[in-house]
């Protein structure tokens, strides 16, 4: 099983979207500074996950969510958008 995940930086409130087979291990890597793209935002916390049976499906969904980043769809996914 593969997880698509969204992290939020507790330092600067930025978001990171990724996929992994082992979410617990991957979060540790992010928070140790082992991931170049998240090194400056640590500490991170997981704020959203989805589970997929295949790596291909997880990667496809990761790219879809990345296309939402910062927009209304992204905010709706995280429950941050209220329809007016």
N, C-alpha and C. Protein backbone atom coordinates (compact mmCIF):
# COMPACT_ATOMS: atom_id res chain seq x y z
N UNK A 1 0.84 -1.18 0.00
CA UNK A 1 0.00 0.00 0.00
C UNK A 1 0.89 1.25 0.00
N UNK A 2 0.41 2.25 -0.71
CA UNK A 2 1.14 3.51 -0.83
C UNK A 2 0.28 4.65 -0.32
N UNK A 3 0.93 5.60 0.32
CA UNK A 3 0.23 6.77 0.84
C UNK A 3 0.61 8.02 0.07
N UNK A 4 -0.39 8.81 -0.27
CA UNK A 4 -0.18 10.17 -0.73
C UNK A 4 -0.37 11.01 0.52
N UNK A 5 0.53 11.95 0.74
CA UNK A 5 0.45 12.71 1.99
C UNK A 5 0.71 14.19 1.74
N UNK A 6 0.16 14.97 2.65
CA UNK A 6 0.44 16.41 2.67
C UNK A 6 1.01 16.73 4.05
N UNK A 7 2.14 17.39 4.03
CA UNK A 7 2.77 17.84 5.26
C UNK A 7 2.59 19.35 5.39
N UNK A 8 2.58 19.80 6.62
CA UNK A 8 2.57 21.25 6.88
C UNK A 8 3.76 21.57 7.77
N UNK A 9 4.49 22.60 7.37
CA UNK A 9 5.63 23.04 8.16
C UNK A 9 5.14 23.79 9.39
N UNK A 10 5.65 23.39 10.55
CA UNK A 10 5.31 24.11 11.78
C UNK A 10 6.15 25.38 11.91
N UNK A 11 7.16 25.50 11.06
CA UNK A 11 8.05 26.68 11.08
C UNK A 11 7.49 27.82 10.24
N UNK A 12 7.04 27.49 9.01
CA UNK A 12 6.63 28.56 8.10
C UNK A 12 5.27 28.34 7.44
N UNK A 13 4.54 27.33 7.87
CA UNK A 13 3.17 27.02 7.40
C UNK A 13 3.10 26.62 5.93
N UNK A 14 4.23 26.29 5.30
CA UNK A 14 4.21 25.82 3.92
C UNK A 14 3.73 24.37 3.87
N UNK A 15 3.35 23.93 2.68
CA UNK A 15 2.88 22.56 2.48
C UNK A 15 3.82 21.79 1.57
N UNK A 16 3.88 20.49 1.78
CA UNK A 16 4.65 19.59 0.92
C UNK A 16 3.76 18.39 0.60
N UNK A 17 3.75 17.98 -0.66
CA UNK A 17 2.93 16.86 -1.11
C UNK A 17 3.86 15.78 -1.64
N UNK A 18 3.62 14.55 -1.21
CA UNK A 18 4.45 13.44 -1.67
C UNK A 18 3.71 12.12 -1.60
N UNK A 19 4.42 11.04 -1.96
CA UNK A 19 3.86 9.69 -1.82
C UNK A 19 4.97 8.77 -1.32
N UNK A 20 4.58 7.73 -0.60
CA UNK A 20 5.56 6.82 -0.01
C UNK A 20 4.89 5.49 0.33
N UNK A 21 5.71 4.49 0.51
CA UNK A 21 5.22 3.19 0.96
C UNK A 21 5.25 3.10 2.49
N UNK A 22 6.06 3.95 3.13
CA UNK A 22 6.20 3.92 4.58
C UNK A 22 6.15 5.36 5.11
N UNK A 23 4.95 5.80 5.46
CA UNK A 23 4.74 7.19 5.86
C UNK A 23 5.50 7.55 7.14
N UNK A 24 5.50 6.67 8.10
CA UNK A 24 6.19 6.95 9.37
C UNK A 24 7.69 7.20 9.13
N UNK A 25 8.31 6.34 8.35
CA UNK A 25 9.73 6.48 8.03
C UNK A 25 9.99 7.76 7.22
N UNK A 26 9.12 8.04 6.29
CA UNK A 26 9.29 9.22 5.44
C UNK A 26 9.18 10.51 6.24
N UNK A 27 8.25 10.56 7.20
CA UNK A 27 8.11 11.74 8.05
C UNK A 27 9.38 11.97 8.87
N UNK A 28 9.96 10.90 9.36
CA UNK A 28 11.22 11.00 10.11
C UNK A 28 12.30 11.59 9.22
N UNK A 29 12.37 11.12 7.97
CA UNK A 29 13.36 11.65 7.02
C UNK A 29 13.16 13.15 6.78
N UNK A 30 11.90 13.56 6.62
CA UNK A 30 11.62 14.99 6.44
C UNK A 30 12.06 15.79 7.66
N UNK A 31 11.77 15.29 8.83
CA UNK A 31 12.07 16.04 10.05
C UNK A 31 13.54 16.00 10.47
N UNK A 32 14.29 15.03 9.95
CA UNK A 32 15.74 14.98 10.20
C UNK A 32 16.50 15.89 9.25
N UNK A 33 15.84 16.36 8.20
CA UNK A 33 16.50 17.20 7.22
C UNK A 33 17.13 16.40 6.09
N UNK A 34 16.74 15.13 5.95
CA UNK A 34 17.29 14.26 4.91
C UNK A 34 16.69 14.51 3.53
N UNK A 35 15.60 15.28 3.47
CA UNK A 35 14.94 15.57 2.19
C UNK A 35 15.25 17.03 1.85
N UNK A 36 15.96 17.21 0.75
CA UNK A 36 16.45 18.54 0.38
C UNK A 36 15.34 19.58 0.28
N UNK A 37 14.22 19.20 -0.32
CA UNK A 37 13.16 20.19 -0.56
C UNK A 37 12.38 20.58 0.69
N UNK A 38 12.55 19.84 1.78
CA UNK A 38 11.81 20.17 3.01
C UNK A 38 12.74 20.53 4.17
N UNK A 39 14.01 20.55 3.90
CA UNK A 39 15.01 20.79 4.95
C UNK A 39 14.77 22.08 5.72
N UNK A 40 14.42 23.15 5.01
CA UNK A 40 14.27 24.46 5.66
C UNK A 40 12.94 24.66 6.35
N UNK A 41 12.02 23.72 6.24
CA UNK A 41 10.71 23.91 6.86
C UNK A 41 10.47 23.10 8.11
N UNK A 42 11.45 22.31 8.51
CA UNK A 42 11.22 21.41 9.64
C UNK A 42 11.01 22.18 10.93
N UNK A 43 10.20 21.69 11.80
CA UNK A 43 9.52 20.39 11.78
C UNK A 43 8.24 20.39 10.92
N UNK A 44 7.91 19.19 10.47
CA UNK A 44 6.72 18.96 9.64
C UNK A 44 5.74 18.06 10.37
N UNK A 45 4.46 18.22 10.04
CA UNK A 45 3.45 17.29 10.55
C UNK A 45 2.56 16.87 9.39
N UNK A 46 2.07 15.64 9.47
CA UNK A 46 1.16 15.11 8.46
C UNK A 46 -0.22 15.70 8.72
N UNK A 47 -0.81 16.31 7.70
CA UNK A 47 -2.15 16.88 7.87
C UNK A 47 -3.19 16.21 6.97
N UNK A 48 -2.73 15.34 6.04
CA UNK A 48 -3.68 14.69 5.14
C UNK A 48 -3.02 13.47 4.52
N UNK A 49 -3.80 12.37 4.39
CA UNK A 49 -3.30 11.17 3.71
C UNK A 49 -4.42 10.51 2.92
N UNK A 50 -4.03 9.80 1.87
CA UNK A 50 -4.89 8.92 1.09
C UNK A 50 -4.08 7.66 0.82
N UNK A 51 -4.75 6.51 0.73
CA UNK A 51 -4.06 5.24 0.53
C UNK A 51 -4.43 4.65 -0.83
N UNK A 52 -3.41 4.11 -1.50
CA UNK A 52 -3.58 3.49 -2.82
C UNK A 52 -2.86 2.15 -2.86
N UNK A 53 -3.37 1.24 -3.69
CA UNK A 53 -2.78 -0.09 -3.80
C UNK A 53 -1.50 -0.10 -4.63
N UNK A 54 -1.40 0.79 -5.60
CA UNK A 54 -0.21 0.78 -6.46
C UNK A 54 0.55 2.10 -6.37
N UNK A 55 1.84 2.00 -6.60
CA UNK A 55 2.70 3.19 -6.61
C UNK A 55 2.28 4.13 -7.74
N UNK A 56 1.91 3.56 -8.88
CA UNK A 56 1.49 4.37 -10.04
C UNK A 56 0.25 5.20 -9.72
N UNK A 57 -0.72 4.59 -9.03
CA UNK A 57 -1.93 5.33 -8.66
C UNK A 57 -1.62 6.43 -7.65
N UNK A 58 -0.74 6.13 -6.70
CA UNK A 58 -0.37 7.12 -5.70
C UNK A 58 0.35 8.30 -6.35
N UNK A 59 1.24 8.00 -7.27
CA UNK A 59 1.99 9.06 -7.95
C UNK A 59 1.06 9.93 -8.80
N UNK A 60 0.13 9.29 -9.46
CA UNK A 60 -0.84 10.02 -10.28
C UNK A 60 -1.65 10.99 -9.41
N UNK A 61 -2.08 10.51 -8.25
CA UNK A 61 -2.85 11.36 -7.33
C UNK A 61 -1.98 12.47 -6.75
N UNK A 62 -0.73 12.17 -6.45
CA UNK A 62 0.19 13.21 -5.97
C UNK A 62 0.28 14.36 -6.97
N UNK A 63 0.45 14.02 -8.23
CA UNK A 63 0.54 15.05 -9.26
C UNK A 63 -0.76 15.84 -9.38
N UNK A 64 -1.88 15.15 -9.23
CA UNK A 64 -3.18 15.83 -9.29
C UNK A 64 -3.30 16.84 -8.15
N UNK A 65 -2.95 16.42 -6.94
CA UNK A 65 -3.03 17.33 -5.79
C UNK A 65 -2.06 18.49 -5.96
N UNK A 66 -0.86 18.22 -6.48
CA UNK A 66 0.10 19.30 -6.71
C UNK A 66 -0.45 20.34 -7.67
N UNK A 67 -1.27 19.90 -8.62
CA UNK A 67 -1.86 20.86 -9.56
C UNK A 67 -2.88 21.77 -8.86
N UNK A 68 -3.40 21.34 -7.70
CA UNK A 68 -4.35 22.14 -6.92
C UNK A 68 -3.64 23.16 -6.02
N UNK A 69 -2.38 22.92 -5.70
CA UNK A 69 -1.68 23.60 -4.62
C UNK A 69 -1.91 25.11 -4.62
N UNK A 70 -2.36 25.59 -3.50
CA UNK A 70 -2.61 27.01 -3.31
C UNK A 70 -3.96 27.49 -3.79
N UNK A 71 -4.68 26.66 -4.54
CA UNK A 71 -5.96 27.08 -5.08
C UNK A 71 -7.14 26.62 -4.24
N UNK A 72 -8.31 26.87 -4.76
CA UNK A 72 -9.55 26.51 -4.06
C UNK A 72 -9.65 25.00 -3.86
N UNK A 73 -9.32 24.21 -4.89
CA UNK A 73 -9.41 22.75 -4.76
C UNK A 73 -8.51 22.24 -3.64
N UNK A 74 -7.32 22.81 -3.51
CA UNK A 74 -6.39 22.41 -2.44
C UNK A 74 -6.98 22.75 -1.08
N UNK A 75 -7.53 23.94 -0.96
CA UNK A 75 -8.13 24.36 0.31
C UNK A 75 -9.36 23.51 0.65
N UNK A 76 -10.15 23.16 -0.37
CA UNK A 76 -11.31 22.30 -0.13
C UNK A 76 -10.87 20.91 0.33
N UNK A 77 -9.81 20.38 -0.28
CA UNK A 77 -9.29 19.07 0.08
C UNK A 77 -8.91 19.04 1.56
N UNK A 78 -8.31 20.12 2.03
CA UNK A 78 -7.88 20.20 3.42
C UNK A 78 -8.96 20.70 4.37
N UNK A 79 -10.13 21.01 3.82
CA UNK A 79 -11.22 21.51 4.65
C UNK A 79 -11.04 22.94 5.08
N UNK A 80 -10.26 23.70 4.31
CA UNK A 80 -9.98 25.08 4.66
C UNK A 80 -10.83 26.09 3.91
N UNK A 81 -11.66 25.60 3.00
CA UNK A 81 -12.46 26.48 2.14
C UNK A 81 -13.93 26.37 2.53
N UNK A 82 -14.55 27.50 2.72
CA UNK A 82 -15.98 27.51 3.01
C UNK A 82 -16.68 28.18 1.84
N UNK A 83 -17.65 27.46 1.26
CA UNK A 83 -18.42 28.06 0.15
C UNK A 83 -19.18 29.26 0.67
N UNK A 84 -19.26 30.26 -0.18
CA UNK A 84 -19.92 31.50 0.25
C UNK A 84 -21.31 31.57 -0.24
